[in-house]
Amino acid sequence: MTTDNLGPLKACGSCRAPIRWALTRNGKAMPVNADPVEGGNVVLERRMAALMAYVVDATDPRQPRYTSHHVTCPNASAHRSSAKRAAV
């Protein structure tokens, strides 16, 4: 996978799409689609060694915008906490 100023790309463990792992304000890991999109609601910023993901609304001027991979992954429901608990 390639790298840029946002860091390395990884492959989604289930659909193999290129993603980036970022941290939310609450310190949770969030998979983010690798490419920016028109109408995205996630802004990525490098903060020291961490890639941070900020969910923003349409009034926020920061660009480029990305999308959480949970929105586009065809297997997203298998990765939700309730689905993982049900599988056990």
C-alpha atoms as a PDB file:
ATOM      1  CA  MET A   1       0.000   0.000   0.000  1.00  0.00           C
ATOM      2  CA  THR A   2       1.116   3.564  -0.595  1.00  0.00           C
ATOM      3  CA  THR A   3       1.815   6.299   1.900  1.00  0.00           C
ATOM      4  CA  ASP A   4       1.399  10.066   1.803  1.00  0.00           C
ATOM      5  CA  ASN A   5       1.333  12.856   4.352  1.00  0.00           C
ATOM      6  CA  LEU A   6      -1.557  11.090   6.123  1.00  0.00           C
ATOM      7  CA  GLY A   7       0.388   7.861   6.535  1.00  0.00           C
ATOM      8  CA  PRO A   8       0.092   4.326   5.229  1.00  0.00           C
ATOM      9  CA  LEU A   9      -2.941   2.777   3.605  1.00  0.00           C
ATOM     10  CA  LYS A  10      -4.213  -0.567   4.842  1.00  0.00           C
ATOM     11  CA  ALA A  11      -6.697  -3.012   3.326  1.00  0.00           C
ATOM     12  CA  CYS A  12     -10.082  -3.585   4.964  1.00  0.00           C
ATOM     13  CA  GLY A  13      -9.994  -7.014   6.554  1.00  0.00           C
ATOM     14  CA  SER A  14     -13.221  -8.111   4.886  1.00  0.00           C
ATOM     15  CA  CYS A  15     -13.683  -6.269   1.583  1.00  0.00           C
ATOM     16  CA  ARG A  16     -10.001  -5.419   0.936  1.00  0.00           C
ATOM     17  CA  ALA A  17     -10.772  -1.764   0.049  1.00  0.00           C
ATOM     18  CA  PRO A  18      -7.971   0.719   0.839  1.00  0.00           C
ATOM     19  CA  ILE A  19      -8.572   2.451   4.187  1.00  0.00           C
ATOM     20  CA  ARG A  20      -6.786   4.513   6.797  1.00  0.00           C
ATOM     21  CA  TRP A  21      -7.109   3.983  10.513  1.00  0.00           C
ATOM     22  CA  ALA A  22      -7.632   7.188  12.465  1.00  0.00           C
ATOM     23  CA  LEU A  23      -8.550   8.076  16.034  1.00  0.00           C
ATOM     24  CA  THR A  24     -11.734   9.898  16.967  1.00  0.00           C
ATOM     25  CA  ARG A  25     -11.856  12.609  19.640  1.00  0.00           C
ATOM     26  CA  ASN A  26     -12.864   9.855  22.055  1.00  0.00           C
ATOM     27  CA  GLY A  27      -9.775   7.788  21.226  1.00  0.00           C
ATOM     28  CA  LYS A  28     -11.686   5.111  19.278  1.00  0.00           C
ATOM     29  CA  ALA A  29     -10.182   3.628  16.114  1.00  0.00           C
ATOM     30  CA  MET A  30     -12.170   4.587  13.000  1.00  0.00           C
ATOM     31  CA  PRO A  31     -11.677   3.092   9.521  1.00  0.00           C
ATOM     32  CA  VAL A  32     -11.812   5.845   6.892  1.00  0.00           C
ATOM     33  CA  ASN A  33     -11.979   5.354   3.115  1.00  0.00           C
ATOM     34  CA  ALA A  34      -8.635   6.259   1.565  1.00  0.00           C
ATOM     35  CA  ASP A  35      -9.876   8.755  -1.017  1.00  0.00           C
ATOM     36  CA  PRO A  36     -11.647  12.046  -0.337  1.00  0.00           C
ATOM     37  CA  VAL A  37     -15.182  12.433  -1.684  1.00  0.00           C
ATOM     38  CA  GLU A  38     -17.592  15.254  -2.414  1.00  0.00           C
ATOM     39  CA  GLY A  39     -20.060  15.406   0.454  1.00  0.00           C
ATOM     40  CA  GLY A  40     -17.875  13.490   2.922  1.00  0.00           C
ATOM     41  CA  ASN A  41     -18.265  14.308   6.601  1.00  0.00           C
ATOM     42  CA  VAL A  42     -14.868  13.299   8.013  1.00  0.00           C
ATOM     43  CA  VAL A  43     -11.780  15.510   8.080  1.00  0.00           C
ATOM     44  CA  LEU A  44      -8.395  13.892   8.699  1.00  0.00           C
ATOM     45  CA  GLU A  45      -5.584  15.749  10.433  1.00  0.00           C
ATOM     46  CA  ARG A  46      -2.154  14.607  11.518  1.00  0.00           C
ATOM     47  CA  ARG A  47      -1.590  15.447  15.217  1.00  0.00           C
ATOM     48  CA  MET A  48       1.921  14.534  16.271  1.00  0.00           C
ATOM     49  CA  ALA A  49       2.158  10.787  15.579  1.00  0.00           C
ATOM     50  CA  ALA A  50      -1.600  10.183  15.395  1.00  0.00           C
ATOM     51  CA  LEU A  51      -3.998  10.522  12.474  1.00  0.00           C
ATOM     52  CA  MET A  52      -7.164  12.101  13.867  1.00  0.00           C
ATOM     53  CA  ALA A  53     -10.669  11.836  12.371  1.00  0.00           C
ATOM     54  CA  TYR A  54     -13.142  14.651  13.001  1.00  0.00           C
ATOM     55  CA  VAL A  55     -16.785  14.254  12.011  1.00  0.00           C
ATOM     56  CA  VAL A  56     -17.954  17.621  10.694  1.00  0.00           C
ATOM     57  CA  ASP A  57     -21.092  19.160   9.265  1.00  0.00           C
ATOM     58  CA  ALA A  58     -21.643  21.081   6.041  1.00  0.00           C
ATOM     59  CA  THR A  59     -20.747  24.423   7.677  1.00  0.00           C
ATOM     60  CA  ASP A  60     -17.191  23.341   8.502  1.00  0.00           C
ATOM     61  CA  PRO A  61     -14.849  24.801   5.853  1.00  0.00           C
ATOM     62  CA  ARG A  62     -12.067  22.201   6.184  1.00  0.00           C
ATOM     63  CA  GLN A  63     -11.203  20.150   3.099  1.00  0.00           C
ATOM     64  CA  PRO A  64     -10.708  17.507   1.837  1.00  0.00           C
ATOM     65  CA  ARG A  65     -13.566  15.401   3.197  1.00  0.00           C
ATOM     66  CA  TYR A  66     -13.593  11.635   3.644  1.00  0.00           C
ATOM     67  CA  THR A  67     -16.176   8.998   4.579  1.00  0.00           C
ATOM     68  CA  SER A  68     -16.154   6.433   7.360  1.00  0.00           C
ATOM     69  CA  HIS A  69     -15.519   3.023   5.836  1.00  0.00           C
ATOM     70  CA  HIS A  70     -18.453   1.662   7.852  1.00  0.00           C
ATOM     71  CA  VAL A  71     -20.707   3.582   5.446  1.00  0.00           C
ATOM     72  CA  THR A  72     -19.403   1.890   2.292  1.00  0.00           C
ATOM     73  CA  CYS A  73     -18.094  -1.541   3.368  1.00  0.00           C
ATOM     74  CA  PRO A  74     -20.414  -4.309   2.141  1.00  0.00           C
ATOM     75  CA  ASN A  75     -19.526  -6.283   5.295  1.00  0.00           C
ATOM     76  CA  ALA A  76     -19.810  -3.443   7.827  1.00  0.00           C
ATOM     77  CA  SER A  77     -22.550  -5.104   9.876  1.00  0.00           C
ATOM     78  CA  ALA A  78     -20.204  -8.015  10.651  1.00  0.00           C
ATOM     79  CA  HIS A  79     -17.815  -5.591  12.363  1.00  0.00           C
ATOM     80  CA  ARG A  80     -20.305  -3.898  14.671  1.00  0.00           C
ATOM     81  CA  SER A  81     -20.012  -4.745  18.367  1.00  0.00           C
ATOM     82  CA  SER A  82     -23.488  -6.309  18.588  1.00  0.00           C
ATOM     83  CA  ALA A  83     -22.767  -8.563  15.590  1.00  0.00           C
ATOM     84  CA  LYS A  84     -19.491  -9.687  17.145  1.00  0.00           C
ATOM     85  CA  ARG A  85     -21.235 -10.539  20.425  1.00  0.00           C
ATOM     86  CA  ALA A  86     -23.953 -12.493  18.603  1.00  0.00           C
ATOM     87  CA  ALA A  87     -21.346 -14.577  16.761  1.00  0.00           C
ATOM     88  CA  VAL A  88     -19.788 -15.793  20.033  1.00  0.00           C
END
